[in-house]
């Protein structure tokens, strides 16, 4: 399926930094240049950073353990 305006952009969970399924934004425009092997997306972000006043910074102290468990689980499948 081709990427189309209105499609959701979400995190995949392939990173220990971002959990799976967090909405990043929606595709506003798809720019497909036939001379290149990639497409460019213009994304309307889900968050308006200009209106953001406070954030909480959370460190995952168990990142390595999480990564090890995920690796073990994928090997068992």
PDB file of N, CA and C in Angstrom:
ATOM      1  N   UNK A   1       0.844  -1.176   0.000  1.00  0.00           N
ATOM      2  CA  UNK A   1       0.000   0.000   0.000  1.00  0.00           C
ATOM      3  C   UNK A   1       0.883   1.229   0.000  1.00  0.00           C
ATOM      4  N   UNK A   2       0.505   2.229  -0.766  1.00  0.00           N
ATOM      5  CA  UNK A   2       1.257   3.476  -0.843  1.00  0.00           C
ATOM      6  C   UNK A   2       0.914   4.374   0.337  1.00  0.00           C
ATOM      7  N   UNK A   3       1.865   5.185   0.708  1.00  0.00           N
ATOM      8  CA  UNK A   3       1.627   6.177   1.763  1.00  0.00           C
ATOM      9  C   UNK A   3       0.795   7.299   1.173  1.00  0.00           C
ATOM     10  N   UNK A   4      -0.238   7.697   1.900  1.00  0.00           N
ATOM     11  CA  UNK A   4      -1.150   8.730   1.415  1.00  0.00           C
ATOM     12  C   UNK A   4      -1.357   9.797   2.479  1.00  0.00           C
ATOM     13  N   UNK A   5      -1.700  11.025   2.052  1.00  0.00           N
ATOM     14  CA  UNK A   5      -2.036  12.060   3.028  1.00  0.00           C
ATOM     15  C   UNK A   5      -3.146  11.566   3.962  1.00  0.00           C
ATOM     16  N   UNK A   6      -2.976  11.863   5.237  1.00  0.00           N
ATOM     17  CA  UNK A   6      -3.934  11.421   6.243  1.00  0.00           C
ATOM     18  C   UNK A   6      -3.494  10.176   6.990  1.00  0.00           C
ATOM     19  N   UNK A   7      -2.502   9.438   6.439  1.00  0.00           N
ATOM     20  CA  UNK A   7      -1.995   8.253   7.126  1.00  0.00           C
ATOM     21  C   UNK A   7      -1.329   8.659   8.441  1.00  0.00           C
ATOM     22  N   UNK A   8      -1.447   7.801   9.437  1.00  0.00           N
ATOM     23  CA  UNK A   8      -0.835   8.052  10.745  1.00  0.00           C
ATOM     24  C   UNK A   8       0.631   7.643  10.736  1.00  0.00           C
ATOM     25  N   UNK A   9       1.442   8.401  11.449  1.00  0.00           N
ATOM     26  CA  UNK A   9       2.842   8.058  11.681  1.00  0.00           C
ATOM     27  C   UNK A   9       2.941   7.721  13.169  1.00  0.00           C
ATOM     28  N   UNK A  10       3.318   6.475  13.480  1.00  0.00           N
ATOM     29  CA  UNK A  10       3.425   6.040  14.873  1.00  0.00           C
ATOM     30  C   UNK A  10       4.787   5.397  15.110  1.00  0.00           C
ATOM     31  N   UNK A  11       5.205   5.374  16.361  1.00  0.00           N
ATOM     32  CA  UNK A  11       6.466   4.731  16.705  1.00  0.00           C
ATOM     33  C   UNK A  11       6.307   3.217  16.599  1.00  0.00           C
ATOM     34  N   UNK A  12       7.401   2.531  16.260  1.00  0.00           N
ATOM     35  CA  UNK A  12       7.340   1.092  15.995  1.00  0.00           C
ATOM     36  C   UNK A  12       7.651   0.236  17.209  1.00  0.00           C
ATOM     37  N   UNK A  13       8.387   0.767  18.152  1.00  0.00           N
ATOM     38  CA  UNK A  13       8.817  -0.058  19.273  1.00  0.00           C
ATOM     39  C   UNK A  13      10.152  -0.730  19.023  1.00  0.00           C
ATOM     40  N   UNK A  14      10.785  -0.467  17.867  1.00  0.00           N
ATOM     41  CA  UNK A  14      12.101  -1.041  17.569  1.00  0.00           C
ATOM     42  C   UNK A  14      13.212  -0.295  18.287  1.00  0.00           C
ATOM     43  N   UNK A  15      12.855   0.665  19.110  1.00  0.00           N
ATOM     44  CA  UNK A  15      13.819   1.476  19.837  1.00  0.00           C
ATOM     45  C   UNK A  15      13.551   1.348  21.329  1.00  0.00           C
ATOM     46  N   UNK A  16      14.599   1.416  22.122  1.00  0.00           N
ATOM     47  CA  UNK A  16      14.403   1.413  23.573  1.00  0.00           C
ATOM     48  C   UNK A  16      14.067   2.810  24.079  1.00  0.00           C
ATOM     49  N   UNK A  17      14.097   3.800  23.194  1.00  0.00           N
ATOM     50  CA  UNK A  17      13.801   5.172  23.602  1.00  0.00           C
ATOM     51  C   UNK A  17      12.317   5.492  23.513  1.00  0.00           C
ATOM     52  N   UNK A  18      11.636   4.946  22.519  1.00  0.00           N
ATOM     53  CA  UNK A  18      10.232   5.278  22.285  1.00  0.00           C
ATOM     54  C   UNK A  18       9.385   4.021  22.351  1.00  0.00           C
ATOM     55  N   UNK A  19       8.321   4.030  23.141  1.00  0.00           N
ATOM     56  CA  UNK A  19       7.447   2.854  23.187  1.00  0.00           C
ATOM     57  C   UNK A  19       6.662   2.705  21.890  1.00  0.00           C
ATOM     58  N   UNK A  20       6.142   1.526  21.656  1.00  0.00           N
ATOM     59  CA  UNK A  20       5.389   1.234  20.442  1.00  0.00           C
ATOM     60  C   UNK A  20       4.021   1.910  20.460  1.00  0.00           C
ATOM     61  N   UNK A  21       3.614   2.395  19.286  1.00  0.00           N
ATOM     62  CA  UNK A  21       2.247   2.875  19.108  1.00  0.00           C
ATOM     63  C   UNK A  21       1.972   4.312  19.494  1.00  0.00           C
ATOM     64  N   UNK A  22       3.005   5.112  19.716  1.00  0.00           N
ATOM     65  CA  UNK A  22       2.796   6.519  20.060  1.00  0.00           C
ATOM     66  C   UNK A  22       2.599   7.316  18.769  1.00  0.00           C
ATOM     67  N   UNK A  23       1.514   8.065  18.700  1.00  0.00           N
ATOM     68  CA  UNK A  23       1.230   8.869  17.507  1.00  0.00           C
ATOM     69  C   UNK A  23       2.221  10.022  17.406  1.00  0.00           C
ATOM     70  N   UNK A  24       2.945  10.085  16.293  1.00  0.00           N
ATOM     71  CA  UNK A  24       3.880  11.178  16.021  1.00  0.00           C
ATOM     72  C   UNK A  24       3.166  12.277  15.248  1.00  0.00           C
ATOM     73  N   UNK A  25       2.337  11.898  14.290  1.00  0.00           N
ATOM     74  CA  UNK A  25       1.609  12.874  13.483  1.00  0.00           C
ATOM     75  C   UNK A  25       0.890  12.190  12.337  1.00  0.00           C
ATOM     76  N   UNK A  26       0.444  13.016  11.388  1.00  0.00           N
ATOM     77  CA  UNK A  26      -0.255  12.499  10.205  1.00  0.00           C
ATOM     78  C   UNK A  26       0.415  13.054   8.951  1.00  0.00           C
ATOM     79  N   UNK A  27       0.429  12.248   7.900  1.00  0.00           N
ATOM     80  CA  UNK A  27       1.032  12.656   6.630  1.00  0.00           C
ATOM     81  C   UNK A  27       0.190  13.778   6.027  1.00  0.00           C
ATOM     82  N   UNK A  28       0.836  14.915   5.786  1.00  0.00           N
ATOM     83  CA  UNK A  28       0.153  16.049   5.163  1.00  0.00           C
ATOM     84  C   UNK A  28       0.356  16.033   3.653  1.00  0.00           C
ATOM     85  N   UNK A  29       1.565  15.626   3.244  1.00  0.00           N
ATOM     86  CA  UNK A  29       1.892  15.648   1.816  1.00  0.00           C
ATOM     87  C   UNK A  29       2.937  14.588   1.518  1.00  0.00           C
ATOM     88  N   UNK A  30       2.814  13.962   0.361  1.00  0.00           N
ATOM     89  CA  UNK A  30       3.782  12.968  -0.106  1.00  0.00           C
ATOM     90  C   UNK A  30       4.465  13.540  -1.338  1.00  0.00           C
ATOM     91  N   UNK A  31       5.799  13.637  -1.284  1.00  0.00           N
ATOM     92  CA  UNK A  31       6.572  14.160  -2.408  1.00  0.00           C
ATOM     93  C   UNK A  31       7.380  12.995  -2.974  1.00  0.00           C
ATOM     94  N   UNK A  32       7.026  12.584  -4.183  1.00  0.00           N
ATOM     95  CA  UNK A  32       7.661  11.436  -4.822  1.00  0.00           C
ATOM     96  C   UNK A  32       8.403  11.919  -6.059  1.00  0.00           C
ATOM     97  N   UNK A  33       9.718  11.991  -5.974  1.00  0.00           N
ATOM     98  CA  UNK A  33      10.551  12.413  -7.096  1.00  0.00           C
ATOM     99  C   UNK A  33      11.022  11.160  -7.835  1.00  0.00           C
ATOM    100  N   UNK A  34      10.568  10.947  -9.076  1.00  0.00           N
ATOM    101  CA  UNK A  34      10.930   9.726  -9.813  1.00  0.00           C
ATOM    102  C   UNK A  34      12.437   9.527  -9.971  1.00  0.00           C
ATOM    103  N   UNK A  35      13.227  10.581  -9.848  1.00  0.00           N
ATOM    104  CA  UNK A  35      14.671  10.462  -9.999  1.00  0.00           C
ATOM    105  C   UNK A  35      15.374   9.972  -8.748  1.00  0.00           C
ATOM    106  N   UNK A  36      14.624   9.723  -7.670  1.00  0.00           N
ATOM    107  CA  UNK A  36      15.231   9.283  -6.411  1.00  0.00           C
ATOM    108  C   UNK A  36      14.594   7.982  -5.937  1.00  0.00           C
ATOM    109  N   UNK A  37      15.323   7.266  -5.092  1.00  0.00           N
ATOM    110  CA  UNK A  37      14.841   5.985  -4.567  1.00  0.00           C
ATOM    111  C   UNK A  37      14.112   6.135  -3.235  1.00  0.00           C
ATOM    112  N   UNK A  38      13.676   7.329  -2.912  1.00  0.00           N
ATOM    113  CA  UNK A  38      12.989   7.557  -1.650  1.00  0.00           C
ATOM    114  C   UNK A  38      11.849   8.535  -1.869  1.00  0.00           C
ATOM    115  N   UNK A  39      10.970   8.606  -0.881  1.00  0.00           N
ATOM    116  CA  UNK A  39       9.902   9.602  -0.923  1.00  0.00           C
ATOM    117  C   UNK A  39      10.094  10.547   0.255  1.00  0.00           C
ATOM    118  N   UNK A  40       9.597  11.738   0.109  1.00  0.00           N
ATOM    119  CA  UNK A  40       9.666  12.728   1.178  1.00  0.00           C
ATOM    120  C   UNK A  40       8.256  12.936   1.716  1.00  0.00           C
ATOM    121  N   UNK A  41       8.146  12.981   3.036  1.00  0.00           N
ATOM    122  CA  UNK A  41       6.847  13.188   3.669  1.00  0.00           C
ATOM    123  C   UNK A  41       6.849  14.501   4.434  1.00  0.00           C
ATOM    124  N   UNK A  42       5.790  15.254   4.284  1.00  0.00           N
ATOM    125  CA  UNK A  42       5.545  16.408   5.138  1.00  0.00           C
ATOM    126  C   UNK A  42       4.539  15.920   6.176  1.00  0.00           C
ATOM    127  N   UNK A  43       4.892  16.049   7.457  1.00  0.00           N
ATOM    128  CA  UNK A  43       4.071  15.493   8.530  1.00  0.00           C
ATOM    129  C   UNK A  43       3.555  16.608   9.426  1.00  0.00           C
ATOM    130  N   UNK A  44       2.246  16.593   9.673  1.00  0.00           N
ATOM    131  CA  UNK A  44       1.655  17.469  10.689  1.00  0.00           C
ATOM    132  C   UNK A  44       1.831  16.754  12.020  1.00  0.00           C
ATOM    133  N   UNK A  45       2.634  17.351  12.902  1.00  0.00           N
ATOM    134  CA  UNK A  45       2.928  16.701  14.176  1.00  0.00           C
ATOM    135  C   UNK A  45       1.695  16.638  15.068  1.00  0.00           C
ATOM    136  N   UNK A  46       1.622  15.595  15.877  1.00  0.00           N
ATOM    137  CA  UNK A  46       0.489  15.406  16.783  1.00  0.00           C
ATOM    138  C   UNK A  46       0.542  16.398  17.939  1.00  0.00           C
ATOM    139  N   UNK A  47       1.707  16.950  18.188  1.00  0.00           N
ATOM    140  CA  UNK A  47       1.900  17.892  19.298  1.00  0.00           C
ATOM    141  C   UNK A  47       2.245  19.259  18.734  1.00  0.00           C
ATOM    142  N   UNK A  48       1.674  20.286  19.287  1.00  0.00           N
ATOM    143  CA  UNK A  48       2.024  21.658  18.922  1.00  0.00           C
ATOM    144  C   UNK A  48       3.103  22.122  19.897  1.00  0.00           C
ATOM    145  N   UNK A  49       4.366  22.043  19.468  1.00  0.00           N
ATOM    146  CA  UNK A  49       5.479  22.349  20.357  1.00  0.00           C
ATOM    147  C   UNK A  49       5.514  23.809  20.788  1.00  0.00           C
ATOM    148  N   UNK A  50       4.859  24.689  20.060  1.00  0.00           N
ATOM    149  CA  UNK A  50       4.809  26.096  20.458  1.00  0.00           C
ATOM    150  C   UNK A  50       3.921  26.300  21.681  1.00  0.00           C
ATOM    151  N   UNK A  51       3.013  25.375  21.936  1.00  0.00           N
ATOM    152  CA  UNK A  51       2.110  25.490  23.083  1.00  0.00           C
ATOM    153  C   UNK A  51       2.559  24.624  24.258  1.00  0.00           C
ATOM    154  N   UNK A  52       3.701  23.987  24.130  1.00  0.00           N
ATOM    155  CA  UNK A  52       4.212  23.095  25.162  1.00  0.00           C
ATOM    156  C   UNK A  52       4.900  23.912  26.246  1.00  0.00           C
ATOM    157  N   UNK A  53       4.456  23.772  27.480  1.00  0.00           N
ATOM    158  CA  UNK A  53       5.040  24.532  28.586  1.00  0.00           C
ATOM    159  C   UNK A  53       5.991  23.695  29.437  1.00  0.00           C
ATOM    160  N   UNK A  54       5.598  22.476  29.747  1.00  0.00           N
ATOM    161  CA  UNK A  54       6.387  21.628  30.632  1.00  0.00           C
ATOM    162  C   UNK A  54       6.495  20.229  30.041  1.00  0.00           C
ATOM    163  N   UNK A  55       7.608  19.589  30.322  1.00  0.00           N
ATOM    164  CA  UNK A  55       7.783  18.189  29.931  1.00  0.00           C
ATOM    165  C   UNK A  55       8.396  17.431  31.101  1.00  0.00           C
ATOM    166  N   UNK A  56       8.165  16.154  31.142  1.00  0.00           N
ATOM    167  CA  UNK A  56       8.825  15.276  32.105  1.00  0.00           C
ATOM    168  C   UNK A  56       9.853  14.460  31.343  1.00  0.00           C
ATOM    169  N   UNK A  57      11.065  14.427  31.850  1.00  0.00           N
ATOM    170  CA  UNK A  57      12.120  13.619  31.245  1.00  0.00           C
ATOM    171  C   UNK A  57      12.264  12.371  32.107  1.00  0.00           C
ATOM    172  N   UNK A  58      12.068  11.222  31.484  1.00  0.00           N
ATOM    173  CA  UNK A  58      12.105   9.957  32.213  1.00  0.00           C
ATOM    174  C   UNK A  58      13.217   9.101  31.629  1.00  0.00           C
ATOM    175  N   UNK A  59      14.091   8.630  32.482  1.00  0.00           N
ATOM    176  CA  UNK A  59      15.179   7.764  32.037  1.00  0.00           C
ATOM    177  C   UNK A  59      14.794   6.312  32.309  1.00  0.00           C
ATOM    178  N   UNK A  60      14.956   5.469  31.317  1.00  0.00           N
ATOM    179  CA  UNK A  60      14.669   4.046  31.472  1.00  0.00           C
ATOM    180  C   UNK A  60      15.888   3.377  32.090  1.00  0.00           C
ATOM    181  N   UNK A  61      15.849   3.190  33.402  1.00  0.00           N
ATOM    182  CA  UNK A  61      16.980   2.591  34.108  1.00  0.00           C
ATOM    183  C   UNK A  61      17.119   1.098  33.820  1.00  0.00           C
ATOM    184  N   UNK A  62      16.088   0.515  33.252  1.00  0.00           N
ATOM    185  CA  UNK A  62      16.101  -0.918  32.959  1.00  0.00           C
ATOM    186  C   UNK A  62      16.244  -1.180  31.462  1.00  0.00           C
ATOM    187  N   UNK A  63      16.800  -0.234  30.714  1.00  0.00           N
ATOM    188  CA  UNK A  63      16.882  -0.350  29.259  1.00  0.00           C
ATOM    189  C   UNK A  63      17.604  -1.624  28.819  1.00  0.00           C
ATOM    190  N   UNK A  64      18.744  -1.913  29.427  1.00  0.00           N
ATOM    191  CA  UNK A  64      19.508  -3.094  29.012  1.00  0.00           C
ATOM    192  C   UNK A  64      18.739  -4.374  29.313  1.00  0.00           C
ATOM    193  N   UNK A  65      18.106  -4.446  30.493  1.00  0.00           N
ATOM    194  CA  UNK A  65      17.314  -5.628  30.827  1.00  0.00           C
ATOM    195  C   UNK A  65      16.148  -5.788  29.853  1.00  0.00           C
ATOM    196  N   UNK A  66      15.499  -4.690  29.511  1.00  0.00           N
ATOM    197  CA  UNK A  66      14.392  -4.722  28.554  1.00  0.00           C
ATOM    198  C   UNK A  66      14.876  -5.245  27.201  1.00  0.00           C
ATOM    199  N   UNK A  67      16.008  -4.724  26.756  1.00  0.00           N
ATOM    200  CA  UNK A  67      16.568  -5.141  25.468  1.00  0.00           C
ATOM    201  C   UNK A  67      16.908  -6.639  25.476  1.00  0.00           C
ATOM    202  N   UNK A  68      17.509  -7.100  26.577  1.00  0.00           N
ATOM    203  CA  UNK A  68      17.864  -8.517  26.698  1.00  0.00           C
ATOM    204  C   UNK A  68      16.621  -9.404  26.660  1.00  0.00           C
ATOM    205  N   UNK A  69      15.573  -9.002  27.377  1.00  0.00           N
ATOM    206  CA  UNK A  69      14.335  -9.783  27.397  1.00  0.00           C
ATOM    207  C   UNK A  69      13.670  -9.813  26.026  1.00  0.00           C
ATOM    208  N   UNK A  70      13.671  -8.675  25.332  1.00  0.00           N
ATOM    209  CA  UNK A  70      13.077  -8.627  23.994  1.00  0.00           C
ATOM    210  C   UNK A  70      13.845  -9.518  23.026  1.00  0.00           C
ATOM    211  N   UNK A  71      15.168  -9.533  23.144  1.00  0.00           N
ATOM    212  CA  UNK A  71      15.994 -10.397  22.299  1.00  0.00           C
ATOM    213  C   UNK A  71      15.698 -11.860  22.594  1.00  0.00           C
ATOM    214  N   UNK A  72      15.608 -12.194  23.871  1.00  0.00           N
ATOM    215  CA  UNK A  72      15.309 -13.565  24.276  1.00  0.00           C
ATOM    216  C   UNK A  72      13.941 -14.003  23.762  1.00  0.00           C
ATOM    217  N   UNK A  73      12.957 -13.136  23.859  1.00  0.00           N
ATOM    218  CA  UNK A  73      11.609 -13.461  23.391  1.00  0.00           C
ATOM    219  C   UNK A  73      11.579 -13.681  21.884  1.00  0.00           C
ATOM    220  N   UNK A  74      12.304 -12.845  21.135  1.00  0.00           N
ATOM    221  CA  UNK A  74      12.304 -12.993  19.675  1.00  0.00           C
ATOM    222  C   UNK A  74      13.033 -14.268  19.251  1.00  0.00           C
ATOM    223  N   UNK A  75      14.034 -14.686  20.026  1.00  0.00           N
ATOM    224  CA  UNK A  75      14.751 -15.931  19.717  1.00  0.00           C
ATOM    225  C   UNK A  75      13.876 -17.148  19.978  1.00  0.00           C
ATOM    226  N   UNK A  76      12.955 -17.046  20.959  1.00  0.00           N
ATOM    227  CA  UNK A  76      12.079 -18.166  21.298  1.00  0.00           C
ATOM    228  C   UNK A  76      10.958 -18.342  20.280  1.00  0.00           C
ATOM    229  N   UNK A  77      10.648 -17.310  19.515  1.00  0.00           N
ATOM    230  CA  UNK A  77       9.548 -17.381  18.537  1.00  0.00           C
ATOM    231  C   UNK A  77       9.938 -18.079  17.301  1.00  0.00           C
TER     232      UNK A  77
END
